[in-house]
């Protein structure tokens, strides 16, 4: 966290661009944003329109013919589901924003958080629904509780008018939309630990802890999976120590 966000260090991009998972996510998000915008502007929501939009994005950002064909094949397999899903979502909304950026200042910390929502719909009732597209699997409730708070934080931001062009409004629902091999939409119930007031309070408390000089920026903190190498492990000299080692705090003067 400190290497990336405090020191501003980033891994270098490969000299030769590669069609990795990050690029796939970026391209598919752009396709779905353009399709949602098109569907909202015109009642004709069709499979062919989706594929035409995809072809344009592929021509622009995916120069590898084999990868372009592979990704288009995947989109063709789930296109009917995406069209029916868009029809269902379109029926209950009166406005829609895609790829919308926002900032929220947390006064108790003096910090500002920023983010981008894949899609925010204003429902016929006036409330908001927020969606996050996933090219991978949808996180489980325990994963959301401990590791994947993005969508919940977006709800906190939206209720406080943090997103551009979206007024301060209650959020009725949030959901992940998987566009993997088995596409589906899965909502998160905004209750209990997932209530926006609770999420806001816990986020504020967490940031306060990191602002405390007595809180260290620990390498490999709260790792969901231990089998992957981190981008900053070499800076932390990971390998000379591991997670089973006894922690011996030392004051730094």
C-alpha atoms as a PDB file:
ATOM      1  CA  UNK A   1       0.000   0.000   0.000  1.00  0.00           C
ATOM      2  CA  UNK A   2       2.730   2.478   0.953  1.00  0.00           C
ATOM      3  CA  UNK A   3       4.851   1.674  -2.132  1.00  0.00           C
ATOM      4  CA  UNK A   4       1.942   2.212  -4.505  1.00  0.00           C
ATOM      5  CA  UNK A   5      -0.090   4.962  -2.890  1.00  0.00           C
ATOM      6  CA  UNK A   6       2.431   6.867  -0.743  1.00  0.00           C
ATOM      7  CA  UNK A   7       5.646   6.541  -2.752  1.00  0.00           C
ATOM      8  CA  UNK A   8       3.807   6.424  -6.077  1.00  0.00           C
ATOM      9  CA  UNK A   9       5.701   3.383  -7.387  1.00  0.00           C
ATOM     10  CA  UNK A  10       4.121   1.396 -10.219  1.00  0.00           C
ATOM     11  CA  UNK A  11       5.299  -1.729 -12.056  1.00  0.00           C
ATOM     12  CA  UNK A  12       6.608  -0.918 -15.525  1.00  0.00           C
ATOM     13  CA  UNK A  13       4.362  -1.914 -18.397  1.00  0.00           C
ATOM     14  CA  UNK A  14       5.795  -4.572 -20.743  1.00  0.00           C
ATOM     15  CA  UNK A  15       7.773  -3.204 -23.692  1.00  0.00           C
ATOM     16  CA  UNK A  16       5.457  -5.119 -26.010  1.00  0.00           C
ATOM     17  CA  UNK A  17       1.740  -4.779 -25.101  1.00  0.00           C
ATOM     18  CA  UNK A  18       0.035  -8.057 -24.290  1.00  0.00           C
ATOM     19  CA  UNK A  19      -3.659  -9.044 -24.382  1.00  0.00           C
ATOM     20  CA  UNK A  20      -3.913  -9.692 -20.661  1.00  0.00           C
ATOM     21  CA  UNK A  21      -6.890  -9.893 -18.305  1.00  0.00           C
ATOM     22  CA  UNK A  22      -6.681  -6.176 -17.566  1.00  0.00           C
ATOM     23  CA  UNK A  23      -7.017  -5.258 -21.244  1.00  0.00           C
ATOM     24  CA  UNK A  24      -9.886  -7.700 -21.677  1.00  0.00           C
ATOM     25  CA  UNK A  25     -11.703  -6.114 -18.757  1.00  0.00           C
ATOM     26  CA  UNK A  26     -11.132  -2.614 -20.119  1.00  0.00           C
ATOM     27  CA  UNK A  27     -12.374  -3.528 -23.603  1.00  0.00           C
ATOM     28  CA  UNK A  28     -15.445  -5.427 -22.415  1.00  0.00           C
ATOM     29  CA  UNK A  29     -16.365  -2.628 -20.025  1.00  0.00           C
ATOM     30  CA  UNK A  30     -16.155  -0.150 -22.907  1.00  0.00           C
ATOM     31  CA  UNK A  31     -18.374  -2.390 -25.055  1.00  0.00           C
ATOM     32  CA  UNK A  32     -21.034  -2.718 -22.377  1.00  0.00           C
ATOM     33  CA  UNK A  33     -20.961   0.996 -21.544  1.00  0.00           C
ATOM     34  CA  UNK A  34     -21.451   1.897 -25.208  1.00  0.00           C
ATOM     35  CA  UNK A  35     -24.211  -0.708 -25.548  1.00  0.00           C
ATOM     36  CA  UNK A  36     -26.024   0.596 -22.457  1.00  0.00           C
ATOM     37  CA  UNK A  37     -25.779   4.168 -23.763  1.00  0.00           C
ATOM     38  CA  UNK A  38     -27.074   3.056 -27.157  1.00  0.00           C
ATOM     39  CA  UNK A  39     -29.903   1.064 -25.599  1.00  0.00           C
ATOM     40  CA  UNK A  40     -31.006   4.011 -23.483  1.00  0.00           C
ATOM     41  CA  UNK A  41     -31.032   6.367 -26.464  1.00  0.00           C
ATOM     42  CA  UNK A  42     -32.926   3.974 -28.744  1.00  0.00           C
ATOM     43  CA  UNK A  43     -35.538   1.341 -27.946  1.00  0.00           C
ATOM     44  CA  UNK A  44     -33.998  -1.086 -30.476  1.00  0.00           C
ATOM     45  CA  UNK A  45     -31.840  -3.298 -28.233  1.00  0.00           C
ATOM     46  CA  UNK A  46     -30.482  -6.028 -30.492  1.00  0.00           C
ATOM     47  CA  UNK A  47     -27.784  -8.658 -30.627  1.00  0.00           C
ATOM     48  CA  UNK A  48     -26.428  -7.191 -33.864  1.00  0.00           C
ATOM     49  CA  UNK A  49     -26.037  -3.756 -32.321  1.00  0.00           C
ATOM     50  CA  UNK A  50     -24.048  -5.268 -29.460  1.00  0.00           C
ATOM     51  CA  UNK A  51     -21.744  -7.119 -31.859  1.00  0.00           C
ATOM     52  CA  UNK A  52     -21.297  -4.043 -34.053  1.00  0.00           C
ATOM     53  CA  UNK A  53     -20.221  -2.040 -31.006  1.00  0.00           C
ATOM     54  CA  UNK A  54     -17.867  -4.861 -30.017  1.00  0.00           C
ATOM     55  CA  UNK A  55     -16.286  -4.984 -33.473  1.00  0.00           C
ATOM     56  CA  UNK A  56     -15.582  -1.257 -33.309  1.00  0.00           C
ATOM     57  CA  UNK A  57     -13.933  -1.573 -29.886  1.00  0.00           C
ATOM     58  CA  UNK A  58     -11.911  -4.599 -31.020  1.00  0.00           C
ATOM     59  CA  UNK A  59     -10.653  -2.751 -34.104  1.00  0.00           C
ATOM     60  CA  UNK A  60      -9.602   0.161 -31.937  1.00  0.00           C
ATOM     61  CA  UNK A  61      -7.959  -1.589 -28.988  1.00  0.00           C
ATOM     62  CA  UNK A  62      -7.292  -5.262 -29.848  1.00  0.00           C
ATOM     63  CA  UNK A  63      -4.735  -5.508 -32.692  1.00  0.00           C
ATOM     64  CA  UNK A  64      -4.158  -9.271 -32.309  1.00  0.00           C
ATOM     65  CA  UNK A  65      -6.391 -11.141 -34.825  1.00  0.00           C
ATOM     66  CA  UNK A  66      -6.460 -14.408 -32.856  1.00  0.00           C
ATOM     67  CA  UNK A  67      -7.329 -12.693 -29.568  1.00  0.00           C
ATOM     68  CA  UNK A  68      -9.913 -10.513 -31.286  1.00  0.00           C
ATOM     69  CA  UNK A  69     -11.581 -13.618 -32.730  1.00  0.00           C
ATOM     70  CA  UNK A  70     -11.452 -15.424 -29.377  1.00  0.00           C
ATOM     71  CA  UNK A  71     -12.968 -12.520 -27.433  1.00  0.00           C
ATOM     72  CA  UNK A  72     -15.638 -11.955 -30.065  1.00  0.00           C
ATOM     73  CA  UNK A  73     -16.522 -15.654 -29.906  1.00  0.00           C
ATOM     74  CA  UNK A  74     -17.032 -15.347 -26.167  1.00  0.00           C
ATOM     75  CA  UNK A  75     -19.232 -12.298 -26.657  1.00  0.00           C
ATOM     76  CA  UNK A  76     -21.296 -14.105 -29.291  1.00  0.00           C
ATOM     77  CA  UNK A  77     -21.976 -16.940 -26.834  1.00  0.00           C
ATOM     78  CA  UNK A  78     -23.343 -14.594 -24.166  1.00  0.00           C
ATOM     79  CA  UNK A  79     -24.861 -11.944 -26.467  1.00  0.00           C
ATOM     80  CA  UNK A  80     -28.453 -13.176 -26.153  1.00  0.00           C
ATOM     81  CA  UNK A  81     -28.208 -13.066 -22.369  1.00  0.00           C
ATOM     82  CA  UNK A  82     -26.699  -9.565 -22.439  1.00  0.00           C
ATOM     83  CA  UNK A  83     -29.484  -8.319 -24.699  1.00  0.00           C
ATOM     84  CA  UNK A  84     -32.238  -9.785 -22.512  1.00  0.00           C
ATOM     85  CA  UNK A  85     -30.519  -8.390 -19.417  1.00  0.00           C
ATOM     86  CA  UNK A  86     -30.336  -4.921 -20.963  1.00  0.00           C
ATOM     87  CA  UNK A  87     -34.014  -5.090 -21.906  1.00  0.00           C
ATOM     88  CA  UNK A  88     -34.884  -5.974 -18.304  1.00  0.00           C
ATOM     89  CA  UNK A  89     -32.733  -3.195 -16.846  1.00  0.00           C
ATOM     90  CA  UNK A  90     -33.941  -0.608 -19.355  1.00  0.00           C
ATOM     91  CA  UNK A  91     -37.591  -1.217 -18.465  1.00  0.00           C
ATOM     92  CA  UNK A  92     -37.327   0.179 -14.951  1.00  0.00           C
ATOM     93  CA  UNK A  93     -35.117   3.252 -15.311  1.00  0.00           C
ATOM     94  CA  UNK A  94     -35.505   6.880 -16.305  1.00  0.00           C
ATOM     95  CA  UNK A  95     -31.815   7.824 -16.527  1.00  0.00           C
ATOM     96  CA  UNK A  96     -28.489   6.081 -16.746  1.00  0.00           C
ATOM     97  CA  UNK A  97     -24.792   6.945 -16.377  1.00  0.00           C
ATOM     98  CA  UNK A  98     -21.887   4.747 -17.466  1.00  0.00           C
ATOM     99  CA  UNK A  99     -18.196   4.935 -16.605  1.00  0.00           C
ATOM    100  CA  UNK A 100     -18.938   7.842 -14.282  1.00  0.00           C
ATOM    101  CA  UNK A 101     -16.183   9.235 -12.039  1.00  0.00           C
ATOM    102  CA  UNK A 102     -16.624  10.630  -8.561  1.00  0.00           C
ATOM    103  CA  UNK A 103     -14.871  11.958  -5.474  1.00  0.00           C
ATOM    104  CA  UNK A 104     -15.958  12.021  -1.845  1.00  0.00           C
ATOM    105  CA  UNK A 105     -14.217  13.888   0.938  1.00  0.00           C
ATOM    106  CA  UNK A 106     -14.326  12.140   4.296  1.00  0.00           C
ATOM    107  CA  UNK A 107     -14.271  15.129   6.618  1.00  0.00           C
ATOM    108  CA  UNK A 108     -13.341  13.103   9.689  1.00  0.00           C
ATOM    109  CA  UNK A 109     -10.069  12.093   8.012  1.00  0.00           C
ATOM    110  CA  UNK A 110      -9.287  15.026   5.731  1.00  0.00           C
ATOM    111  CA  UNK A 111      -8.935  12.525   2.882  1.00  0.00           C
ATOM    112  CA  UNK A 112     -10.764  12.296  -0.434  1.00  0.00           C
ATOM    113  CA  UNK A 113     -11.604   8.955  -2.014  1.00  0.00           C
ATOM    114  CA  UNK A 114     -12.149   8.658  -5.744  1.00  0.00           C
ATOM    115  CA  UNK A 115     -13.563   5.998  -8.013  1.00  0.00           C
ATOM    116  CA  UNK A 116     -15.404   5.177 -11.192  1.00  0.00           C
ATOM    117  CA  UNK A 117     -18.741   3.355 -11.347  1.00  0.00           C
ATOM    118  CA  UNK A 118     -19.394   1.078 -14.316  1.00  0.00           C
ATOM    119  CA  UNK A 119     -23.082   1.940 -14.375  1.00  0.00           C
ATOM    120  CA  UNK A 120     -25.550   3.926 -12.270  1.00  0.00           C
ATOM    121  CA  UNK A 121     -29.253   3.756 -13.137  1.00  0.00           C
ATOM    122  CA  UNK A 122     -31.859   6.139 -11.780  1.00  0.00           C
ATOM    123  CA  UNK A 123     -34.927   4.006 -11.264  1.00  0.00           C
ATOM    124  CA  UNK A 124     -38.489   5.066 -11.959  1.00  0.00           C
ATOM    125  CA  UNK A 125     -38.896   5.543  -8.196  1.00  0.00           C
ATOM    126  CA  UNK A 126     -36.040   8.062  -8.193  1.00  0.00           C
ATOM    127  CA  UNK A 127     -33.684   5.798  -6.234  1.00  0.00           C
ATOM    128  CA  UNK A 128     -30.376   4.543  -7.623  1.00  0.00           C
ATOM    129  CA  UNK A 129     -29.157   1.124  -8.732  1.00  0.00           C
ATOM    130  CA  UNK A 130     -25.414   0.581  -9.183  1.00  0.00           C
ATOM    131  CA  UNK A 131     -23.845  -2.190 -11.265  1.00  0.00           C
ATOM    132  CA  UNK A 132     -20.306  -3.493 -11.537  1.00  0.00           C
ATOM    133  CA  UNK A 133     -19.351  -5.629 -14.537  1.00  0.00           C
ATOM    134  CA  UNK A 134     -17.045  -8.576 -13.850  1.00  0.00           C
ATOM    135  CA  UNK A 135     -15.157 -10.447 -16.571  1.00  0.00           C
ATOM    136  CA  UNK A 136     -14.162 -12.904 -13.856  1.00  0.00           C
ATOM    137  CA  UNK A 137     -16.211 -14.551 -11.137  1.00  0.00           C
ATOM    138  CA  UNK A 138     -18.603 -12.687  -8.846  1.00  0.00           C
ATOM    139  CA  UNK A 139     -17.223 -12.381  -5.301  1.00  0.00           C
ATOM    140  CA  UNK A 140     -18.986 -14.243  -2.513  1.00  0.00           C
ATOM    141  CA  UNK A 141     -20.447 -12.427   0.490  1.00  0.00           C
ATOM    142  CA  UNK A 142     -17.404 -13.300   2.682  1.00  0.00           C
ATOM    143  CA  UNK A 143     -15.099 -12.003  -0.063  1.00  0.00           C
ATOM    144  CA  UNK A 144     -17.120  -8.786  -0.293  1.00  0.00           C
ATOM    145  CA  UNK A 145     -17.070  -8.393   3.485  1.00  0.00           C
ATOM    146  CA  UNK A 146     -13.308  -8.806   3.825  1.00  0.00           C
ATOM    147  CA  UNK A 147     -11.670  -8.028   0.487  1.00  0.00           C
ATOM    148  CA  UNK A 148     -13.940  -6.569  -2.201  1.00  0.00           C
ATOM    149  CA  UNK A 149     -15.681  -3.449  -0.901  1.00  0.00           C
ATOM    150  CA  UNK A 150     -15.627  -1.466  -4.144  1.00  0.00           C
ATOM    151  CA  UNK A 151     -19.327  -1.689  -4.986  1.00  0.00           C
ATOM    152  CA  UNK A 152     -20.360  -0.904  -1.410  1.00  0.00           C
ATOM    153  CA  UNK A 153     -18.094   2.145  -1.327  1.00  0.00           C
ATOM    154  CA  UNK A 154     -19.599   3.277  -4.631  1.00  0.00           C
ATOM    155  CA  UNK A 155     -23.007   3.136  -2.936  1.00  0.00           C
ATOM    156  CA  UNK A 156     -21.674   5.286  -0.088  1.00  0.00           C
ATOM    157  CA  UNK A 157     -20.354   7.794  -2.615  1.00  0.00           C
ATOM    158  CA  UNK A 158     -23.557   7.854  -4.666  1.00  0.00           C
ATOM    159  CA  UNK A 159     -25.773   8.507  -1.649  1.00  0.00           C
ATOM    160  CA  UNK A 160     -23.645  11.563  -0.898  1.00  0.00           C
ATOM    161  CA  UNK A 161     -23.759  12.961  -4.425  1.00  0.00           C
ATOM    162  CA  UNK A 162     -20.114  12.166  -5.184  1.00  0.00           C
ATOM    163  CA  UNK A 163     -20.545  11.055  -8.807  1.00  0.00           C
ATOM    164  CA  UNK A 164     -20.636  13.522 -11.684  1.00  0.00           C
ATOM    165  CA  UNK A 165     -24.178  14.209 -12.845  1.00  0.00           C
ATOM    166  CA  UNK A 166     -25.754  12.039 -10.128  1.00  0.00           C
ATOM    167  CA  UNK A 167     -27.508  13.960  -7.371  1.00  0.00           C
ATOM    168  CA  UNK A 168     -27.482  12.894  -3.722  1.00  0.00           C
ATOM    169  CA  UNK A 169     -30.001  10.029  -3.695  1.00  0.00           C
ATOM    170  CA  UNK A 170     -30.694   6.843  -1.708  1.00  0.00           C
ATOM    171  CA  UNK A 171     -29.312   3.667  -3.293  1.00  0.00           C
ATOM    172  CA  UNK A 172     -31.930   0.958  -3.561  1.00  0.00           C
ATOM    173  CA  UNK A 173     -29.727  -1.826  -4.937  1.00  0.00           C
ATOM    174  CA  UNK A 174     -26.219  -2.755  -6.015  1.00  0.00           C
ATOM    175  CA  UNK A 175     -25.265  -5.793  -8.067  1.00  0.00           C
ATOM    176  CA  UNK A 176     -22.391  -7.479  -9.842  1.00  0.00           C
ATOM    177  CA  UNK A 177     -23.004  -8.530 -13.438  1.00  0.00           C
ATOM    178  CA  UNK A 178     -20.762 -11.385 -14.520  1.00  0.00           C
ATOM    179  CA  UNK A 179     -19.951 -11.525 -18.223  1.00  0.00           C
ATOM    180  CA  UNK A 180     -17.909 -14.706 -17.980  1.00  0.00           C
ATOM    181  CA  UNK A 181     -18.791 -18.163 -19.272  1.00  0.00           C
ATOM    182  CA  UNK A 182     -21.929 -18.319 -17.144  1.00  0.00           C
ATOM    183  CA  UNK A 183     -23.273 -14.749 -17.169  1.00  0.00           C
ATOM    184  CA  UNK A 184     -25.535 -13.680 -14.339  1.00  0.00           C
ATOM    185  CA  UNK A 185     -26.535 -10.745 -12.173  1.00  0.00           C
ATOM    186  CA  UNK A 186     -26.166 -11.051  -8.409  1.00  0.00           C
ATOM    187  CA  UNK A 187     -27.408  -8.362  -6.036  1.00  0.00           C
ATOM    188  CA  UNK A 188     -25.896  -7.445  -2.682  1.00  0.00           C
ATOM    189  CA  UNK A 189     -28.402  -6.788   0.073  1.00  0.00           C
ATOM    190  CA  UNK A 190     -27.637  -3.418   1.651  1.00  0.00           C
ATOM    191  CA  UNK A 191     -28.277  -4.541   5.202  1.00  0.00           C
ATOM    192  CA  UNK A 192     -26.260  -5.519   8.253  1.00  0.00           C
ATOM    193  CA  UNK A 193     -22.528  -5.202   7.552  1.00  0.00           C
ATOM    194  CA  UNK A 194     -23.377  -4.040   4.036  1.00  0.00           C
ATOM    195  CA  UNK A 195     -25.526  -1.045   5.039  1.00  0.00           C
ATOM    196  CA  UNK A 196     -24.088   2.103   3.535  1.00  0.00           C
ATOM    197  CA  UNK A 197     -23.957   3.848   6.926  1.00  0.00           C
ATOM    198  CA  UNK A 198     -21.956   0.927   8.330  1.00  0.00           C
ATOM    199  CA  UNK A 199     -19.608   0.847   5.336  1.00  0.00           C
ATOM    200  CA  UNK A 200     -19.045   4.603   5.602  1.00  0.00           C
ATOM    201  CA  UNK A 201     -18.258   4.361   9.319  1.00  0.00           C
ATOM    202  CA  UNK A 202     -15.891   1.409   8.868  1.00  0.00           C
ATOM    203  CA  UNK A 203     -14.084   3.061   5.963  1.00  0.00           C
ATOM    204  CA  UNK A 204     -13.622   6.235   7.994  1.00  0.00           C
ATOM    205  CA  UNK A 205     -12.301   4.255  10.958  1.00  0.00           C
ATOM    206  CA  UNK A 206      -9.878   2.304   8.754  1.00  0.00           C
ATOM    207  CA  UNK A 207      -8.455   5.466   7.222  1.00  0.00           C
ATOM    208  CA  UNK A 208      -8.089   7.030  10.662  1.00  0.00           C
ATOM    209  CA  UNK A 209      -5.987   4.042  11.713  1.00  0.00           C
ATOM    210  CA  UNK A 210      -3.686   4.465   8.725  1.00  0.00           C
ATOM    211  CA  UNK A 211      -3.307   8.169   9.534  1.00  0.00           C
ATOM    212  CA  UNK A 212      -2.153   7.248  13.041  1.00  0.00           C
ATOM    213  CA  UNK A 213       1.682   7.397  13.164  1.00  0.00           C
ATOM    214  CA  UNK A 214       1.563   4.279  15.303  1.00  0.00           C
ATOM    215  CA  UNK A 215       0.046   2.229  12.475  1.00  0.00           C
ATOM    216  CA  UNK A 216       2.638   0.682  10.194  1.00  0.00           C
ATOM    217  CA  UNK A 217       2.212   0.039   6.475  1.00  0.00           C
ATOM    218  CA  UNK A 218       2.717  -3.709   6.511  1.00  0.00           C
ATOM    219  CA  UNK A 219       3.705  -5.675   3.424  1.00  0.00           C
ATOM    220  CA  UNK A 220       1.216  -8.353   2.322  1.00  0.00           C
ATOM    221  CA  UNK A 221      -1.484  -7.146   4.711  1.00  0.00           C
ATOM    222  CA  UNK A 222      -4.789  -9.081   4.581  1.00  0.00           C
ATOM    223  CA  UNK A 223      -3.844 -11.273   1.622  1.00  0.00           C
ATOM    224  CA  UNK A 224      -6.836 -13.159   0.244  1.00  0.00           C
ATOM    225  CA  UNK A 225      -4.570 -15.669  -1.518  1.00  0.00           C
ATOM    226  CA  UNK A 226      -0.979 -16.367  -0.541  1.00  0.00           C
ATOM    227  CA  UNK A 227       0.110 -18.216  -3.674  1.00  0.00           C
ATOM    228  CA  UNK A 228       0.566 -15.164  -5.882  1.00  0.00           C
ATOM    229  CA  UNK A 229       3.697 -13.039  -5.999  1.00  0.00           C
ATOM    230  CA  UNK A 230       3.087  -9.385  -5.259  1.00  0.00           C
ATOM    231  CA  UNK A 231       4.462  -6.549  -7.383  1.00  0.00           C
ATOM    232  CA  UNK A 232       6.296  -5.118  -4.376  1.00  0.00           C
ATOM    233  CA  UNK A 233       7.538  -8.274  -2.637  1.00  0.00           C
ATOM    234  CA  UNK A 234      11.139  -7.601  -3.693  1.00  0.00           C
ATOM    235  CA  UNK A 235      11.023  -4.149  -2.081  1.00  0.00           C
ATOM    236  CA  UNK A 236       9.808  -5.727   1.160  1.00  0.00           C
ATOM    237  CA  UNK A 237      12.498  -8.444   0.805  1.00  0.00           C
ATOM    238  CA  UNK A 238       9.795 -11.070   1.012  1.00  0.00           C
ATOM    239  CA  UNK A 239      11.495 -14.445   0.964  1.00  0.00           C
ATOM    240  CA  UNK A 240      13.862 -13.448   3.734  1.00  0.00           C
ATOM    241  CA  UNK A 241      10.710 -13.649   5.859  1.00  0.00           C
ATOM    242  CA  UNK A 242       7.267 -15.194   5.492  1.00  0.00           C
ATOM    243  CA  UNK A 243       3.809 -14.939   7.039  1.00  0.00           C
ATOM    244  CA  UNK A 244       4.655 -17.541   9.689  1.00  0.00           C
ATOM    245  CA  UNK A 245       7.533 -15.494  11.108  1.00  0.00           C
ATOM    246  CA  UNK A 246       7.132 -13.942  14.549  1.00  0.00           C
ATOM    247  CA  UNK A 247       6.531 -10.200  14.354  1.00  0.00           C
ATOM    248  CA  UNK A 248       9.029  -8.087  16.281  1.00  0.00           C
ATOM    249  CA  UNK A 249       7.992  -4.418  16.166  1.00  0.00           C
ATOM    250  CA  UNK A 250      10.902  -1.974  16.211  1.00  0.00           C
ATOM    251  CA  UNK A 251      10.612   1.784  16.703  1.00  0.00           C
ATOM    252  CA  UNK A 252      11.842   3.882  13.792  1.00  0.00           C
ATOM    253  CA  UNK A 253      13.467   7.179  14.718  1.00  0.00           C
END
